Amino acid sequence: MNMRRTTIKDVAGAAGVGVATVSRVLSGGSASPETRERVLTVAAQLDYRPSALGRNLRQRRSGGIGLLLPDITDTFYARVADGVLACARSAGEPVIVGATGDDPEREAELIGMLLEQGVDRVIAIPSGDGDSWAPTLRAGVITVFAHRLSAGRDDIPAVVADDRAGVGTAVDYLTGLGHRRIAYLGGPGQAQRLSVFRQALGPLVDEELIVVARGSRDSAYAAAAGLFQHRPDLTAVLAGGNLLGEAAVLAARELDLRIPRDLSLIMFDDVPWAELCSPPLTVIAQPARDIGYRAAELVLRGGARRPRGVLLPTELIVRGSCAARGTSRSPR
């Protein structure tokens, strides 16, 4: 006899919808009448009991903090996690860590699992849109975002680095060196950073020089290589994260582009390998561990009665990967 408990993923598969849709339906969120009926019917047939979404949730919580990260192997995210764990350890709180892969469906599945396990609090670097987080709020779970915001979720406090200052300083530095064709290599969750980049460049912005990759090394490399091949006239690149910066360095090397003689490069995240590159990379340093620690402090305090974000400073660290426009390659 199979005694395995039915999960939210089982309901989603049987109903032919995504996990996020099941979460919305079961938490009273928006869905079409047909979808709602199908999900509820399947949930009843499978005897699904979403205990963490029930009326007696507060009495049935098991405690602890859920931490959702895009990638636990990424150095930046690992430092965010280290900050969360250090703060949680000092408070005697256990932490359950999950990796979303920057996949909204996977994120919704993990949210459902955390709710089923009865966690009291959740810290997340969000991947999906605001609808994914409706179940945690409806269940009364204290939620705090770290590093990123989520569209439409101004009711969830966030601890983030100052993207506006970071991007603005980087663009000012590059334009001060004479660069005019400046590209942006971005990834998931960087809408705010990209918006600031466009504003900072103003009339110099060229939409063809803005490329957004998915959250994998292969996608980042393909985006960087495609950008360099299709626009040989660009002279500088701002990479929106360390994975993207790594891809830019590798693609430039494969295409025999010399940094900084042919291409100037600035990267978000001061990870250890950045200083070991030849030449060492100029970076926008973000306080990754502090972001995690402050997010944990905030979630342990129960959030804020009125959600308020925490903005932490960034720093431009100048090394050897940028040069004046006169020493860069000529447009072809």
Protein backbone atom coordinates (compact mmCIF):
# COMPACT_ATOMS: atom_id res chain seq x y z
CA MET A 1 0.00 0.00 0.00
CA ASN A 2 1.39 3.40 -1.04
CA MET A 3 1.22 5.77 1.93
CA ARG A 4 3.04 8.65 0.22
CA ARG A 5 1.35 11.94 0.89
CA THR A 6 -0.09 13.76 -2.11
CA THR A 7 1.85 16.92 -2.91
CA ILE A 8 0.95 20.15 -4.66
CA LYS A 9 3.02 18.95 -7.64
CA ASP A 10 0.83 15.84 -7.92
CA VAL A 11 -2.29 18.02 -8.07
CA ALA A 12 -0.73 20.28 -10.72
CA GLY A 13 0.23 17.33 -12.91
CA ALA A 14 -3.17 15.67 -12.68
CA ALA A 15 -5.00 18.94 -13.37
CA GLY A 16 -2.74 19.85 -16.28
CA VAL A 17 -1.73 23.22 -14.83
CA GLY A 18 1.35 24.72 -13.21
CA VAL A 19 2.19 24.54 -9.53
CA ALA A 20 1.78 28.32 -9.30
CA THR A 21 -1.80 28.00 -10.56
CA VAL A 22 -2.62 25.36 -7.94
CA SER A 23 -1.14 27.58 -5.23
CA ARG A 24 -3.27 30.53 -6.37
CA VAL A 25 -6.46 28.49 -6.49
CA LEU A 26 -5.95 26.89 -3.07
CA SER A 27 -5.07 30.21 -1.48
CA GLY A 28 -8.10 31.99 -2.98
CA GLY A 29 -6.17 33.84 -5.66
CA SER A 30 -7.18 34.67 -9.23
CA ALA A 31 -8.02 31.90 -11.74
CA SER A 32 -10.68 31.24 -14.36
CA PRO A 33 -13.83 29.43 -13.13
CA GLU A 34 -12.98 26.40 -15.26
CA THR A 35 -9.42 26.18 -13.93
CA ARG A 36 -10.56 26.68 -10.35
CA GLU A 37 -13.14 23.89 -10.64
CA ARG A 38 -10.66 21.50 -12.25
CA VAL A 39 -7.98 22.11 -9.60
CA LEU A 40 -10.40 21.75 -6.70
CA THR A 41 -11.89 18.58 -8.18
CA VAL A 42 -8.46 16.98 -8.66
CA ALA A 43 -7.36 18.05 -5.17
CA ALA A 44 -10.44 16.36 -3.70
CA GLN A 45 -9.94 13.20 -5.78
CA LEU A 46 -6.30 12.92 -4.69
CA ASP A 47 -7.20 13.73 -1.08
CA TYR A 48 -4.74 16.61 -1.08
CA ARG A 49 -4.54 18.34 2.30
CA PRO A 50 -2.65 21.65 2.12
CA SER A 51 -2.13 21.83 5.84
CA ALA A 52 -0.05 24.98 5.72
CA LEU A 53 -2.88 26.79 3.96
CA GLY A 54 -5.59 25.70 6.37
CA ARG A 55 -7.45 27.82 8.84
CA ASN A 56 -5.44 26.45 11.75
CA LEU A 57 -2.10 27.32 10.16
CA ARG A 58 -0.80 29.43 13.00
CA GLN A 59 -1.25 26.59 15.49
CA ARG A 60 0.40 24.06 13.17
CA ARG A 61 3.60 25.89 12.23
CA SER A 62 6.82 24.00 12.82
CA GLY A 63 8.99 27.13 12.78
CA GLY A 64 12.22 27.85 10.95
CA ILE A 65 13.17 29.96 7.96
CA GLY A 66 12.82 28.96 4.33
CA LEU A 67 15.56 30.38 2.06
CA LEU A 68 15.08 30.31 -1.73
CA LEU A 69 18.06 31.10 -3.97
CA PRO A 70 18.48 30.87 -7.75
CA ASP A 71 21.74 28.89 -7.53
CA ILE A 72 23.55 27.67 -4.42
CA THR A 73 26.80 27.15 -6.37
CA ASP A 74 27.03 30.81 -7.44
CA THR A 75 29.56 32.66 -5.26
CA PHE A 76 27.37 35.73 -4.81
CA TYR A 77 24.28 33.75 -3.79
CA ALA A 78 26.39 31.56 -1.51
CA ARG A 79 27.56 34.68 0.35
CA VAL A 80 23.96 35.87 0.67
CA ALA A 81 23.11 32.45 2.15
CA ASP A 82 26.08 32.69 4.51
CA GLY A 83 24.71 35.95 5.89
CA VAL A 84 21.25 34.44 6.40
CA LEU A 85 22.69 31.36 8.11
CA ALA A 86 24.92 33.41 10.41
CA CYS A 87 22.01 35.54 11.62
CA ALA A 88 19.65 32.56 11.93
CA ARG A 89 22.27 30.60 13.89
CA SER A 90 22.63 33.41 16.42
CA ALA A 91 18.85 33.34 16.88
CA GLY A 92 18.68 29.54 17.13
CA GLU A 93 16.49 29.25 14.01
CA PRO A 94 16.87 26.36 11.54
CA VAL A 95 17.03 27.20 7.82
CA ILE A 96 15.65 25.14 4.92
CA VAL A 97 17.45 26.02 1.66
CA GLY A 98 16.02 25.53 -1.82
CA ALA A 99 17.41 26.32 -5.29
CA THR A 100 14.93 27.68 -7.84
CA GLY A 101 17.21 27.73 -10.87
CA ASP A 102 15.59 31.11 -11.67
CA ASP A 103 12.58 29.08 -12.85
CA PRO A 104 9.23 30.57 -11.74
CA GLU A 105 7.50 27.17 -11.82
CA ARG A 106 10.21 25.61 -9.67
CA GLU A 107 9.96 28.60 -7.34
CA ALA A 108 6.19 28.13 -6.98
CA GLU A 109 6.73 24.43 -6.26
CA LEU A 110 9.25 25.21 -3.53
CA ILE A 111 6.94 27.83 -2.02
CA GLY A 112 4.24 25.17 -1.79
CA MET A 113 6.67 22.74 -0.15
CA LEU A 114 7.76 25.31 2.42
CA LEU A 115 4.15 26.05 3.28
CA GLU A 116 3.40 22.35 3.63
CA GLN A 117 6.33 22.03 6.03
CA GLY A 118 4.92 24.86 8.13
CA VAL A 119 7.83 27.31 8.12
CA ASP A 120 7.25 30.58 9.96
CA ARG A 121 9.33 32.81 7.70
CA VAL A 122 10.66 32.93 4.15
CA ILE A 123 13.61 34.82 2.65
CA ALA A 124 13.89 34.69 -1.13
CA ILE A 125 15.74 36.05 -4.11
CA PRO A 126 12.57 36.02 -6.22
CA SER A 127 12.40 34.57 -9.72
CA GLY A 128 8.70 34.69 -10.60
CA ASP A 129 6.15 37.49 -10.65
CA GLY A 130 4.21 38.74 -7.66
CA ASP A 131 1.45 36.12 -8.00
CA SER A 132 3.85 33.41 -6.86
CA TRP A 133 3.99 34.97 -3.42
CA ALA A 134 0.25 35.32 -2.79
CA PRO A 135 0.08 31.96 -0.95
CA THR A 136 2.72 32.93 1.63
CA LEU A 137 1.01 36.23 2.38
CA ARG A 138 -2.43 34.65 2.60
CA ALA A 139 -1.01 32.03 4.95
CA GLY A 140 0.44 34.73 7.19
CA VAL A 141 4.03 33.63 6.60
CA ILE A 142 6.48 36.49 7.14
CA THR A 143 8.27 37.07 3.83
CA VAL A 144 11.30 39.19 2.95
CA PHE A 145 13.02 39.54 -0.42
CA ALA A 146 16.79 39.81 -0.75
CA HIS A 147 18.86 41.23 -3.63
CA ARG A 148 15.86 41.55 -5.98
CA LEU A 149 12.38 42.97 -6.05
CA SER A 150 9.34 41.22 -7.53
CA ALA A 151 6.93 43.06 -9.80
CA GLY A 152 3.68 43.95 -8.10
CA ARG A 153 4.84 43.01 -4.61
CA ASP A 154 5.42 46.36 -2.92
CA ASP A 155 3.82 44.80 0.19
CA ILE A 156 6.88 42.59 0.77
CA PRO A 157 9.94 44.31 2.28
CA ALA A 158 13.26 43.82 0.49
CA VAL A 159 16.95 44.19 1.28
CA VAL A 160 18.78 45.24 -1.88
CA ALA A 161 21.96 46.91 -3.05
CA ASP A 162 21.76 50.39 -4.54
CA ASP A 163 21.51 49.51 -8.24
CA ARG A 164 20.90 53.13 -9.22
CA ALA A 165 24.16 54.31 -7.72
CA GLY A 166 26.08 51.25 -8.92
CA VAL A 167 24.97 51.39 -12.54
CA GLY A 168 25.18 55.18 -12.64
CA THR A 169 28.77 55.17 -11.37
CA ALA A 170 29.77 52.48 -13.88
CA VAL A 171 28.21 54.32 -16.83
CA ASP A 172 29.78 57.62 -15.75
CA TYR A 173 33.17 55.91 -15.52
CA LEU A 174 32.90 54.40 -19.01
CA THR A 175 31.60 57.55 -20.67
CA GLY A 176 34.35 59.48 -18.90
CA LEU A 177 36.82 57.19 -20.66
CA GLY A 178 35.26 58.19 -23.97
CA HIS A 179 33.02 55.16 -24.57
CA ARG A 180 29.76 55.77 -26.41
CA ARG A 181 28.78 52.29 -27.65
CA ILE A 182 28.23 50.62 -24.30
CA ALA A 183 26.46 47.27 -24.11
CA TYR A 184 24.53 45.72 -21.23
CA LEU A 185 24.68 41.96 -20.70
CA GLY A 186 21.85 41.05 -18.33
CA GLY A 187 20.10 38.10 -16.76
CA PRO A 188 16.94 37.14 -14.83
CA GLY A 189 15.59 39.55 -12.26
CA GLN A 190 17.50 42.58 -13.54
CA ALA A 191 14.63 44.77 -14.76
CA GLN A 192 15.47 47.50 -12.26
CA ARG A 193 19.17 47.43 -13.12
CA LEU A 194 18.42 47.54 -16.84
CA SER A 195 16.01 50.44 -16.42
CA VAL A 196 18.69 52.41 -14.59
CA PHE A 197 21.20 51.59 -17.35
CA ARG A 198 18.87 53.03 -19.99
CA GLN A 199 18.30 56.16 -17.91
CA ALA A 200 22.00 56.64 -17.23
CA LEU A 201 22.96 56.39 -20.91
CA GLY A 202 20.09 58.60 -22.06
CA PRO A 203 20.43 59.45 -25.78
CA LEU A 204 23.46 57.17 -26.08
CA VAL A 205 21.43 54.02 -25.39
CA ASP A 206 21.34 51.53 -28.27
CA GLU A 207 18.70 48.81 -27.78
CA GLU A 208 20.67 46.42 -30.01
CA LEU A 209 23.45 46.53 -27.43
CA ILE A 210 21.16 45.29 -24.66
CA VAL A 211 21.07 41.48 -24.39
CA VAL A 212 19.36 39.46 -21.65
CA ALA A 213 20.36 35.83 -21.08
CA ARG A 214 18.64 33.10 -19.14
CA GLY A 215 20.08 31.95 -15.82
CA SER A 216 22.59 29.39 -17.12
CA ARG A 217 26.24 29.50 -18.16
CA ASP A 218 25.47 28.26 -21.66
CA SER A 219 22.84 30.94 -22.19
CA ALA A 220 25.13 33.66 -20.81
CA TYR A 221 27.99 32.59 -23.07
CA ALA A 222 25.75 32.44 -26.15
CA ALA A 223 24.40 35.92 -25.37
CA ALA A 224 27.88 37.40 -24.92
CA ALA A 225 29.36 35.73 -28.01
CA GLY A 226 26.38 36.73 -30.15
CA LEU A 227 26.62 40.33 -28.94
CA PHE A 228 30.34 40.59 -29.70
CA GLN A 229 29.98 39.00 -33.13
CA HIS A 230 26.96 40.99 -34.30
CA ARG A 231 28.11 44.34 -32.96
CA PRO A 232 31.88 44.62 -33.43
CA ASP A 233 31.56 48.39 -33.07
CA LEU A 234 30.80 48.22 -29.34
CA THR A 235 33.69 49.28 -27.12
CA ALA A 236 32.49 48.58 -23.57
CA VAL A 237 30.25 46.14 -21.71
CA LEU A 238 28.52 46.25 -18.34
CA ALA A 239 27.83 42.69 -17.17
CA GLY A 240 24.89 42.48 -14.74
CA GLY A 241 26.34 39.67 -12.59
CA ASN A 242 29.38 37.45 -12.09
CA LEU A 243 28.01 34.64 -14.27
CA LEU A 244 27.53 37.14 -17.08
CA GLY A 245 30.96 38.66 -16.50
CA GLU A 246 32.52 35.21 -16.69
CA ALA A 247 30.69 34.61 -19.98
CA ALA A 248 31.92 37.95 -21.37
CA VAL A 249 35.54 37.11 -20.49
CA LEU A 250 35.31 33.63 -22.07
CA ALA A 251 33.55 34.87 -25.21
CA ALA A 252 36.08 37.69 -25.67
CA ARG A 253 38.93 35.20 -25.33
CA GLU A 254 37.38 32.83 -27.90
CA LEU A 255 36.89 35.70 -30.34
CA ASP A 256 40.42 37.07 -29.82
CA LEU A 257 39.17 40.30 -28.29
CA ARG A 258 41.67 41.74 -25.85
CA ILE A 259 40.50 43.29 -22.59
CA PRO A 260 40.81 46.26 -22.25
CA ARG A 261 42.50 47.13 -25.56
CA ASP A 262 39.60 45.89 -27.69
CA LEU A 263 36.86 45.83 -25.10
CA SER A 264 36.40 47.46 -21.70
CA LEU A 265 34.46 45.42 -19.15
CA ILE A 266 32.78 46.19 -15.83
CA MET A 267 31.02 43.44 -13.88
CA PHE A 268 28.55 43.43 -11.00
CA ASP A 269 29.80 41.33 -8.03
CA ASP A 270 33.31 41.32 -6.63
CA VAL A 271 33.89 37.57 -6.59
CA PRO A 272 37.36 36.12 -5.84
CA TRP A 273 38.22 35.19 -9.43
CA ALA A 274 37.62 38.77 -10.65
CA GLU A 275 40.89 39.93 -9.13
CA LEU A 276 42.73 36.88 -10.49
CA CYS A 277 41.79 37.55 -14.14
CA SER A 278 44.35 38.95 -16.54
CA PRO A 279 43.76 41.84 -16.38
CA PRO A 280 41.87 42.00 -13.06
CA LEU A 281 38.25 43.05 -13.58
CA THR A 282 36.78 46.37 -12.60
CA VAL A 283 33.65 45.56 -10.59
CA ILE A 284 30.62 47.01 -8.86
CA ALA A 285 30.91 45.40 -5.43
CA GLN A 286 27.70 44.52 -3.60
CA PRO A 287 27.60 43.59 0.11
CA ALA A 288 26.27 40.07 -0.50
CA ARG A 289 26.74 38.73 3.03
CA ASP A 290 25.24 41.88 4.54
CA ILE A 291 22.22 41.56 2.25
CA GLY A 292 21.58 38.07 3.62
CA TYR A 293 22.24 39.04 7.23
CA ARG A 294 19.99 42.11 7.11
CA ALA A 295 17.23 40.12 5.39
CA ALA A 296 17.38 37.54 8.18
CA GLU A 297 17.29 40.27 10.82
CA LEU A 298 14.24 41.77 9.17
CA VAL A 299 12.36 38.49 8.83
CA LEU A 300 13.16 37.53 12.44
CA ARG A 301 11.74 40.85 13.60
CA GLY A 302 8.52 39.94 11.84
CA GLY A 303 9.04 42.30 8.93
CA ALA A 304 7.65 45.79 9.27
CA ARG A 305 4.13 46.91 9.95
CA ARG A 306 4.51 49.06 6.89
CA PRO A 307 6.87 47.29 4.50
CA ARG A 308 10.10 49.22 4.22
CA GLY A 309 13.06 48.27 2.11
CA VAL A 310 16.69 48.33 3.20
CA LEU A 311 19.07 49.89 0.67
CA LEU A 312 22.76 48.98 1.01
CA PRO A 313 25.63 50.78 -0.76
CA THR A 314 27.61 49.57 -3.75
CA GLU A 315 31.22 50.42 -4.61
CA LEU A 316 33.03 50.75 -7.94
CA ILE A 317 36.41 49.02 -7.59
CA VAL A 318 38.67 50.09 -10.46
CA ARG A 319 41.18 47.51 -11.68
CA GLY A 320 42.60 46.84 -15.12
CA SER A 321 39.71 45.82 -17.40
CA CYS A 322 38.80 49.30 -18.68
CA ALA A 323 40.77 51.66 -20.92
CA ALA A 324 40.22 55.01 -22.57
CA ARG A 325 38.38 54.89 -25.88
CA GLY A 326 41.49 55.94 -27.79
CA THR A 327 43.16 52.61 -26.97
CA SER A 328 40.12 50.51 -27.89
CA ARG A 329 39.41 48.92 -31.26
CA SER A 330 38.07 51.04 -34.07
CA PRO A 331 34.54 50.42 -35.37
CA ARG A 332 34.39 48.07 -38.33
